Amino acid sequence: MSERFFLYDESEDTKTRFVSFMGESQRFDLAITTTNRYYGKKLVLNMQSSRYAIIGTDDLDEEGYVEHAFQLDEEDAQELREFLYEVI
């Protein structure tokens, strides 16, 4: 068996905020992780759909990004986007 080649293997203390809120048509259960990686962006996990994305304000401004990343329709994505603008 060959030796495993790691691109990186590091540990880091992170801060994670768990938030649950009800939108007009669906519930959002999120874990928002702050880390020194990803150039100041946050790792956002939607535990209801098992979808996640690395998000900064530039991503929130990009048309269709939230819809695609979290597989949401336009209305649900806008609710999530509005919340994320508050925390990112």
PDB file of N, CA and C in Angstrom:
ATOM      1  N   MET A   1       0.841  -1.177   0.000  1.00  0.00           N
ATOM      2  CA  MET A   1       0.000   0.000   0.000  1.00  0.00           C
ATOM      3  C   MET A   1       0.890   1.246   0.000  1.00  0.00           C
ATOM      4  N   SER A   2       0.584   2.183  -0.877  1.00  0.00           N
ATOM      5  CA  SER A   2       1.396   3.393  -0.949  1.00  0.00           C
ATOM      6  C   SER A   2       1.040   4.362   0.175  1.00  0.00           C
ATOM      7  N   GLU A   3       1.960   5.246   0.454  1.00  0.00           N
ATOM      8  CA  GLU A   3       1.757   6.236   1.509  1.00  0.00           C
ATOM      9  C   GLU A   3       0.779   7.303   1.031  1.00  0.00           C
ATOM     10  N   ARG A   4      -0.108   7.722   1.924  1.00  0.00           N
ATOM     11  CA  ARG A   4      -1.108   8.740   1.593  1.00  0.00           C
ATOM     12  C   ARG A   4      -0.435  10.104   1.416  1.00  0.00           C
ATOM     13  N   PHE A   5      -0.826  10.832   0.374  1.00  0.00           N
ATOM     14  CA  PHE A   5      -0.278  12.154   0.098  1.00  0.00           C
ATOM     15  C   PHE A   5      -1.332  13.202   0.448  1.00  0.00           C
ATOM     16  N   PHE A   6      -1.056  14.018   1.459  1.00  0.00           N
ATOM     17  CA  PHE A   6      -1.977  15.063   1.891  1.00  0.00           C
ATOM     18  C   PHE A   6      -1.622  16.385   1.222  1.00  0.00           C
ATOM     19  N   LEU A   7      -2.606  17.088   0.728  1.00  0.00           N
ATOM     20  CA  LEU A   7      -2.391  18.446   0.251  1.00  0.00           C
ATOM     21  C   LEU A   7      -2.236  19.380   1.436  1.00  0.00           C
ATOM     22  N   TYR A   8      -3.033  19.137   2.472  1.00  0.00           N
ATOM     23  CA  TYR A   8      -2.848  19.791   3.762  1.00  0.00           C
ATOM     24  C   TYR A   8      -3.592  18.991   4.807  1.00  0.00           C
ATOM     25  N   ASP A   9      -3.172  19.127   6.034  1.00  0.00           N
ATOM     26  CA  ASP A   9      -3.782  18.443   7.177  1.00  0.00           C
ATOM     27  C   ASP A   9      -3.535  19.334   8.383  1.00  0.00           C
ATOM     28  N   GLU A  10      -4.478  20.232   8.637  1.00  0.00           N
ATOM     29  CA  GLU A  10      -4.315  21.228   9.680  1.00  0.00           C
ATOM     30  C   GLU A  10      -5.536  21.257  10.577  1.00  0.00           C
ATOM     31  N   SER A  11      -5.335  21.712  11.795  1.00  0.00           N
ATOM     32  CA  SER A  11      -6.436  21.932  12.726  1.00  0.00           C
ATOM     33  C   SER A  11      -6.514  23.423  13.022  1.00  0.00           C
ATOM     34  N   GLU A  12      -7.718  23.891  13.288  1.00  0.00           N
ATOM     35  CA  GLU A  12      -7.921  25.307  13.559  1.00  0.00           C
ATOM     36  C   GLU A  12      -9.113  25.457  14.488  1.00  0.00           C
ATOM     37  N   ASP A  13      -9.019  26.399  15.411  1.00  0.00           N
ATOM     38  CA  ASP A  13     -10.170  26.748  16.237  1.00  0.00           C
ATOM     39  C   ASP A  13     -11.088  27.626  15.397  1.00  0.00           C
ATOM     40  N   THR A  14     -12.363  27.287  15.349  1.00  0.00           N
ATOM     41  CA  THR A  14     -13.339  28.041  14.577  1.00  0.00           C
ATOM     42  C   THR A  14     -14.483  28.464  15.486  1.00  0.00           C
ATOM     43  N   LYS A  15     -15.301  29.354  14.975  1.00  0.00           N
ATOM     44  CA  LYS A  15     -16.498  29.777  15.693  1.00  0.00           C
ATOM     45  C   LYS A  15     -17.684  29.399  14.820  1.00  0.00           C
ATOM     46  N   THR A  16     -18.646  28.688  15.384  1.00  0.00           N
ATOM     47  CA  THR A  16     -19.826  28.284  14.625  1.00  0.00           C
ATOM     48  C   THR A  16     -21.080  28.797  15.314  1.00  0.00           C
ATOM     49  N   ARG A  17     -21.938  29.434  14.519  1.00  0.00           N
ATOM     50  CA  ARG A  17     -23.226  29.937  14.997  1.00  0.00           C
ATOM     51  C   ARG A  17     -24.304  29.040  14.398  1.00  0.00           C
ATOM     52  N   PHE A  18     -25.180  28.533  15.253  1.00  0.00           N
ATOM     53  CA  PHE A  18     -26.298  27.713  14.803  1.00  0.00           C
ATOM     54  C   PHE A  18     -27.556  28.577  14.855  1.00  0.00           C
ATOM     55  N   VAL A  19     -28.253  28.660  13.724  1.00  0.00           N
ATOM     56  CA  VAL A  19     -29.434  29.516  13.620  1.00  0.00           C
ATOM     57  C   VAL A  19     -30.549  28.739  12.945  1.00  0.00           C
ATOM     58  N   SER A  20     -31.742  28.866  13.492  1.00  0.00           N
ATOM     59  CA  SER A  20     -32.921  28.272  12.872  1.00  0.00           C
ATOM     60  C   SER A  20     -33.974  29.366  12.750  1.00  0.00           C
ATOM     61  N   PHE A  21     -34.544  29.509  11.543  1.00  0.00           N
ATOM     62  CA  PHE A  21     -35.633  30.466  11.375  1.00  0.00           C
ATOM     63  C   PHE A  21     -36.594  29.953  10.321  1.00  0.00           C
ATOM     64  N   MET A  22     -37.823  30.434  10.426  1.00  0.00           N
ATOM     65  CA  MET A  22     -38.867  30.020   9.501  1.00  0.00           C
ATOM     66  C   MET A  22     -39.085  31.112   8.477  1.00  0.00           C
ATOM     67  N   GLY A  23     -38.956  30.768   7.203  1.00  0.00           N
ATOM     68  CA  GLY A  23     -39.271  31.685   6.117  1.00  0.00           C
ATOM     69  C   GLY A  23     -40.753  31.569   5.786  1.00  0.00           C
ATOM     70  N   GLU A  24     -41.145  32.187   4.699  1.00  0.00           N
ATOM     71  CA  GLU A  24     -42.552  32.132   4.290  1.00  0.00           C
ATOM     72  C   GLU A  24     -42.993  30.716   3.950  1.00  0.00           C
ATOM     73  N   SER A  25     -42.101  29.928   3.337  1.00  0.00           N
ATOM     74  CA  SER A  25     -42.517  28.597   2.899  1.00  0.00           C
ATOM     75  C   SER A  25     -41.621  27.465   3.382  1.00  0.00           C
ATOM     76  N   GLN A  26     -40.519  27.787   4.060  1.00  0.00           N
ATOM     77  CA  GLN A  26     -39.669  26.705   4.550  1.00  0.00           C
ATOM     78  C   GLN A  26     -38.850  27.145   5.753  1.00  0.00           C
ATOM     79  N   ARG A  27     -38.377  26.164   6.456  1.00  0.00           N
ATOM     80  CA  ARG A  27     -37.537  26.384   7.634  1.00  0.00           C
ATOM     81  C   ARG A  27     -36.077  26.291   7.202  1.00  0.00           C
ATOM     82  N   PHE A  28     -35.247  27.131   7.816  1.00  0.00           N
ATOM     83  CA  PHE A  28     -33.810  27.107   7.578  1.00  0.00           C
ATOM     84  C   PHE A  28     -33.114  26.754   8.885  1.00  0.00           C
ATOM     85  N   ASP A  29     -32.333  25.705   8.888  1.00  0.00           N
ATOM     86  CA  ASP A  29     -31.483  25.325  10.015  1.00  0.00           C
ATOM     87  C   ASP A  29     -30.048  25.428   9.517  1.00  0.00           C
ATOM     88  N   LEU A  30     -29.347  26.454   9.984  1.00  0.00           N
ATOM     89  CA  LEU A  30     -28.035  26.774   9.444  1.00  0.00           C
ATOM     90  C   LEU A  30     -26.942  26.643  10.489  1.00  0.00           C
ATOM     91  N   ALA A  31     -25.783  26.264  10.032  1.00  0.00           N
ATOM     92  CA  ALA A  31     -24.553  26.349  10.811  1.00  0.00           C
ATOM     93  C   ALA A  31     -23.644  27.282  10.014  1.00  0.00           C
ATOM     94  N   ILE A  32     -23.225  28.375  10.635  1.00  0.00           N
ATOM     95  CA  ILE A  32     -22.394  29.373   9.972  1.00  0.00           C
ATOM     96  C   ILE A  32     -21.038  29.378  10.671  1.00  0.00           C
ATOM     97  N   THR A  33     -20.026  28.920   9.984  1.00  0.00           N
ATOM     98  CA  THR A  33     -18.701  28.756  10.572  1.00  0.00           C
ATOM     99  C   THR A  33     -17.758  29.862  10.107  1.00  0.00           C
ATOM    100  N   THR A  34     -17.129  30.493  11.088  1.00  0.00           N
ATOM    101  CA  THR A  34     -16.110  31.508  10.823  1.00  0.00           C
ATOM    102  C   THR A  34     -14.750  30.864  11.026  1.00  0.00           C
ATOM    103  N   THR A  35     -13.884  31.040  10.056  1.00  0.00           N
ATOM    104  CA  THR A  35     -12.565  30.430  10.055  1.00  0.00           C
ATOM    105  C   THR A  35     -11.563  31.413   9.467  1.00  0.00           C
ATOM    106  N   ASN A  36     -10.303  31.152   9.624  1.00  0.00           N
ATOM    107  CA  ASN A  36      -9.276  31.990   9.015  1.00  0.00           C
ATOM    108  C   ASN A  36      -9.049  31.642   7.547  1.00  0.00           C
ATOM    109  N   ARG A  37      -9.647  30.581   7.089  1.00  0.00           N
ATOM    110  CA  ARG A  37      -9.541  30.176   5.686  1.00  0.00           C
ATOM    111  C   ARG A  37     -10.567  30.936   4.850  1.00  0.00           C
ATOM    112  N   TYR A  38     -10.517  30.762   3.582  1.00  0.00           N
ATOM    113  CA  TYR A  38     -11.525  31.258   2.639  1.00  0.00           C
ATOM    114  C   TYR A  38     -11.588  32.776   2.559  1.00  0.00           C
ATOM    115  N   TYR A  39     -10.494  33.451   2.864  1.00  0.00           N
ATOM    116  CA  TYR A  39     -10.371  34.889   2.610  1.00  0.00           C
ATOM    117  C   TYR A  39     -11.496  35.710   3.249  1.00  0.00           C
ATOM    118  N   GLY A  40     -11.864  35.370   4.464  1.00  0.00           N
ATOM    119  CA  GLY A  40     -12.877  36.127   5.194  1.00  0.00           C
ATOM    120  C   GLY A  40     -14.307  35.696   4.927  1.00  0.00           C
ATOM    121  N   LYS A  41     -14.486  34.737   4.043  1.00  0.00           N
ATOM    122  CA  LYS A  41     -15.831  34.240   3.776  1.00  0.00           C
ATOM    123  C   LYS A  41     -16.239  33.250   4.859  1.00  0.00           C
ATOM    124  N   LYS A  42     -17.526  32.958   4.933  1.00  0.00           N
ATOM    125  CA  LYS A  42     -18.058  32.032   5.932  1.00  0.00           C
ATOM    126  C   LYS A  42     -18.472  30.727   5.250  1.00  0.00           C
ATOM    127  N   LEU A  43     -18.378  29.653   5.992  1.00  0.00           N
ATOM    128  CA  LEU A  43     -18.871  28.364   5.540  1.00  0.00           C
ATOM    129  C   LEU A  43     -20.296  28.238   6.062  1.00  0.00           C
ATOM    130  N   VAL A  44     -21.272  28.199   5.155  1.00  0.00           N
ATOM    131  CA  VAL A  44     -22.691  28.159   5.528  1.00  0.00           C
ATOM    132  C   VAL A  44     -23.250  26.794   5.161  1.00  0.00           C
ATOM    133  N   LEU A  45     -23.736  26.075   6.177  1.00  0.00           N
ATOM    134  CA  LEU A  45     -24.316  24.754   5.970  1.00  0.00           C
ATOM    135  C   LEU A  45     -25.806  24.803   6.266  1.00  0.00           C
ATOM    136  N   ASN A  46     -26.624  24.332   5.327  1.00  0.00           N
ATOM    137  CA  ASN A  46     -28.062  24.208   5.545  1.00  0.00           C
ATOM    138  C   ASN A  46     -28.314  22.753   5.934  1.00  0.00           C
ATOM    139  N   MET A  47     -28.584  22.524   7.204  1.00  0.00           N
ATOM    140  CA  MET A  47     -28.712  21.159   7.700  1.00  0.00           C
ATOM    141  C   MET A  47     -30.009  20.497   7.256  1.00  0.00           C
ATOM    142  N   GLN A  48     -31.003  21.261   6.804  1.00  0.00           N
ATOM    143  CA  GLN A  48     -32.243  20.681   6.289  1.00  0.00           C
ATOM    144  C   GLN A  48     -32.014  20.012   4.932  1.00  0.00           C
ATOM    145  N   SER A  49     -31.188  20.628   4.105  1.00  0.00           N
ATOM    146  CA  SER A  49     -31.009  20.112   2.745  1.00  0.00           C
ATOM    147  C   SER A  49     -29.653  19.456   2.521  1.00  0.00           C
ATOM    148  N   SER A  50     -28.777  19.502   3.536  1.00  0.00           N
ATOM    149  CA  SER A  50     -27.419  18.963   3.406  1.00  0.00           C
ATOM    150  C   SER A  50     -26.639  19.655   2.292  1.00  0.00           C
ATOM    151  N   ARG A  51     -26.898  20.941   2.087  1.00  0.00           N
ATOM    152  CA  ARG A  51     -26.178  21.738   1.101  1.00  0.00           C
ATOM    153  C   ARG A  51     -25.318  22.754   1.841  1.00  0.00           C
ATOM    154  N   TYR A  52     -24.207  23.123   1.261  1.00  0.00           N
ATOM    155  CA  TYR A  52     -23.336  24.107   1.897  1.00  0.00           C
ATOM    156  C   TYR A  52     -22.622  24.935   0.837  1.00  0.00           C
ATOM    157  N   ALA A  53     -22.120  26.093   1.270  1.00  0.00           N
ATOM    158  CA  ALA A  53     -21.362  26.957   0.377  1.00  0.00           C
ATOM    159  C   ALA A  53     -20.436  27.833   1.200  1.00  0.00           C
ATOM    160  N   ILE A  54     -19.362  28.264   0.570  1.00  0.00           N
ATOM    161  CA  ILE A  54     -18.462  29.257   1.150  1.00  0.00           C
ATOM    162  C   ILE A  54     -18.940  30.595   0.608  1.00  0.00           C
ATOM    163  N   ILE A  55     -19.366  31.484   1.521  1.00  0.00           N
ATOM    164  CA  ILE A  55     -20.075  32.685   1.093  1.00  0.00           C
ATOM    165  C   ILE A  55     -19.490  33.945   1.706  1.00  0.00           C
ATOM    166  N   GLY A  56     -19.334  34.943   0.860  1.00  0.00           N
ATOM    167  CA  GLY A  56     -19.001  36.311   1.250  1.00  0.00           C
ATOM    168  C   GLY A  56     -20.019  37.235   0.620  1.00  0.00           C
ATOM    169  N   THR A  57     -19.925  38.512   0.918  1.00  0.00           N
ATOM    170  CA  THR A  57     -20.908  39.454   0.367  1.00  0.00           C
ATOM    171  C   THR A  57     -20.863  39.487  -1.161  1.00  0.00           C
ATOM    172  N   ASP A  58     -19.689  39.267  -1.737  1.00  0.00           N
ATOM    173  CA  ASP A  58     -19.604  39.244  -3.203  1.00  0.00           C
ATOM    174  C   ASP A  58     -20.439  38.109  -3.779  1.00  0.00           C
ATOM    175  N   ASP A  59     -20.502  36.993  -3.071  1.00  0.00           N
ATOM    176  CA  ASP A  59     -21.315  35.858  -3.529  1.00  0.00           C
ATOM    177  C   ASP A  59     -22.805  36.169  -3.400  1.00  0.00           C
ATOM    178  N   LEU A  60     -23.175  36.852  -2.322  1.00  0.00           N
ATOM    179  CA  LEU A  60     -24.571  37.222  -2.133  1.00  0.00           C
ATOM    180  C   LEU A  60     -25.038  38.180  -3.216  1.00  0.00           C
ATOM    181  N   ASP A  61     -24.115  39.001  -3.718  1.00  0.00           N
ATOM    182  CA  ASP A  61     -24.444  39.959  -4.774  1.00  0.00           C
ATOM    183  C   ASP A  61     -24.524  39.307  -6.155  1.00  0.00           C
ATOM    184  N   GLU A  62     -23.956  38.112  -6.290  1.00  0.00           N
ATOM    185  CA  GLU A  62     -23.935  37.440  -7.592  1.00  0.00           C
ATOM    186  C   GLU A  62     -25.296  36.816  -7.884  1.00  0.00           C
ATOM    187  N   GLU A  63     -25.877  37.189  -8.994  1.00  0.00           N
ATOM    188  CA  GLU A  63     -27.207  36.710  -9.363  1.00  0.00           C
ATOM    189  C   GLU A  63     -27.228  35.177  -9.504  1.00  0.00           C
ATOM    190  N   GLY A  64     -28.165  34.546  -8.822  1.00  0.00           N
ATOM    191  CA  GLY A  64     -28.359  33.108  -8.928  1.00  0.00           C
ATOM    192  C   GLY A  64     -27.454  32.256  -8.060  1.00  0.00           C
ATOM    193  N   TYR A  65     -26.505  32.872  -7.347  1.00  0.00           N
ATOM    194  CA  TYR A  65     -25.547  32.081  -6.561  1.00  0.00           C
ATOM    195  C   TYR A  65     -26.222  31.319  -5.427  1.00  0.00           C
ATOM    196  N   VAL A  66     -27.014  32.009  -4.640  1.00  0.00           N
ATOM    197  CA  VAL A  66     -27.679  31.358  -3.492  1.00  0.00           C
ATOM    198  C   VAL A  66     -28.673  30.317  -3.994  1.00  0.00           C
ATOM    199  N   GLU A  67     -29.394  30.635  -5.055  1.00  0.00           N
ATOM    200  CA  GLU A  67     -30.353  29.686  -5.621  1.00  0.00           C
ATOM    201  C   GLU A  67     -29.649  28.395  -6.022  1.00  0.00           C
ATOM    202  N   HIS A  68     -28.527  28.537  -6.696  1.00  0.00           N
ATOM    203  CA  HIS A  68     -27.787  27.365  -7.161  1.00  0.00           C
ATOM    204  C   HIS A  68     -27.134  26.605  -5.998  1.00  0.00           C
ATOM    205  N   ALA A  69     -26.453  27.319  -5.131  1.00  0.00           N
ATOM    206  CA  ALA A  69     -25.705  26.664  -4.051  1.00  0.00           C
ATOM    207  C   ALA A  69     -26.605  25.880  -3.114  1.00  0.00           C
ATOM    208  N   PHE A  70     -27.791  26.414  -2.830  1.00  0.00           N
ATOM    209  CA  PHE A  70     -28.679  25.762  -1.876  1.00  0.00           C
ATOM    210  C   PHE A  70     -29.914  25.140  -2.516  1.00  0.00           C
ATOM    211  N   GLN A  71     -29.944  25.130  -3.863  1.00  0.00           N
ATOM    212  CA  GLN A  71     -31.049  24.540  -4.615  1.00  0.00           C
ATOM    213  C   GLN A  71     -32.399  25.087  -4.131  1.00  0.00           C
ATOM    214  N   LEU A  72     -32.529  26.419  -4.154  1.00  0.00           N
ATOM    215  CA  LEU A  72     -33.724  27.107  -3.688  1.00  0.00           C
ATOM    216  C   LEU A  72     -34.387  27.848  -4.843  1.00  0.00           C
ATOM    217  N   ASP A  73     -35.715  28.025  -4.715  1.00  0.00           N
ATOM    218  CA  ASP A  73     -36.377  28.889  -5.682  1.00  0.00           C
ATOM    219  C   ASP A  73     -36.053  30.341  -5.334  1.00  0.00           C
ATOM    220  N   GLU A  74     -36.437  31.247  -6.196  1.00  0.00           N
ATOM    221  CA  GLU A  74     -36.050  32.652  -6.052  1.00  0.00           C
ATOM    222  C   GLU A  74     -36.543  33.264  -4.738  1.00  0.00           C
ATOM    223  N   GLU A  75     -37.770  32.953  -4.348  1.00  0.00           N
ATOM    224  CA  GLU A  75     -38.348  33.526  -3.122  1.00  0.00           C
ATOM    225  C   GLU A  75     -37.612  33.034  -1.876  1.00  0.00           C
ATOM    226  N   ASP A  76     -37.400  31.736  -1.767  1.00  0.00           N
ATOM    227  CA  ASP A  76     -36.695  31.184  -0.610  1.00  0.00           C
ATOM    228  C   ASP A  76     -35.249  31.661  -0.574  1.00  0.00           C
ATOM    229  N   ALA A  77     -34.619  31.744  -1.737  1.00  0.00           N
ATOM    230  CA  ALA A  77     -33.241  32.219  -1.804  1.00  0.00           C
ATOM    231  C   ALA A  77     -33.144  33.665  -1.341  1.00  0.00           C
ATOM    232  N   GLN A  78     -34.130  34.480  -1.686  1.00  0.00           N
ATOM    233  CA  GLN A  78     -34.105  35.880  -1.261  1.00  0.00           C
ATOM    234  C   GLN A  78     -34.218  35.997   0.257  1.00  0.00           C
ATOM    235  N   GLU A  79     -35.042  35.158   0.892  1.00  0.00           N
ATOM    236  CA  GLU A  79     -35.143  35.162   2.356  1.00  0.00           C
ATOM    237  C   GLU A  79     -33.811  34.779   2.988  1.00  0.00           C
ATOM    238  N   LEU A  80     -33.179  33.747   2.451  1.00  0.00           N
ATOM    239  CA  LEU A  80     -31.884  33.324   2.977  1.00  0.00           C
ATOM    240  C   LEU A  80     -30.839  34.406   2.730  1.00  0.00           C
ATOM    241  N   ARG A  81     -30.831  34.986   1.545  1.00  0.00           N
ATOM    242  CA  ARG A  81     -29.877  36.034   1.200  1.00  0.00           C
ATOM    243  C   ARG A  81     -30.005  37.225   2.156  1.00  0.00           C
ATOM    244  N   GLU A  82     -31.225  37.652   2.444  1.00  0.00           N
ATOM    245  CA  GLU A  82     -31.445  38.771   3.351  1.00  0.00           C
ATOM    246  C   GLU A  82     -30.890  38.466   4.741  1.00  0.00           C
ATOM    247  N   PHE A  83     -31.101  37.251   5.218  1.00  0.00           N
ATOM    248  CA  PHE A  83     -30.547  36.873   6.516  1.00  0.00           C
ATOM    249  C   PHE A  83     -29.023  36.870   6.465  1.00  0.00           C
ATOM    250  N   LEU A  84     -28.454  36.279   5.423  1.00  0.00           N
ATOM    251  CA  LEU A  84     -27.004  36.178   5.337  1.00  0.00           C
ATOM    252  C   LEU A  84     -26.323  37.537   5.224  1.00  0.00           C
ATOM    253  N   TYR A  85     -26.981  38.507   4.599  1.00  0.00           N
ATOM    254  CA  TYR A  85     -26.419  39.859   4.567  1.00  0.00           C
ATOM    255  C   TYR A  85     -26.223  40.404   5.984  1.00  0.00           C
ATOM    256  N   GLU A  86     -27.078  39.993   6.911  1.00  0.00           N
ATOM    257  CA  GLU A  86     -26.980  40.458   8.298  1.00  0.00           C
ATOM    258  C   GLU A  86     -25.809  39.844   9.041  1.00  0.00           C
ATOM    259  N   VAL A  87     -25.405  38.643   8.671  1.00  0.00           N
ATOM    260  CA  VAL A  87     -24.390  37.918   9.457  1.00  0.00           C
ATOM    261  C   VAL A  87     -23.046  37.770   8.761  1.00  0.00           C
ATOM    262  N   ILE A  88     -22.977  38.113   7.499  1.00  0.00           N
ATOM    263  CA  ILE A  88     -21.714  37.941   6.766  1.00  0.00           C
ATOM    264  C   ILE A  88     -21.071  39.294   6.533  1.00  0.00           C
TER     265      ILE A  88
END
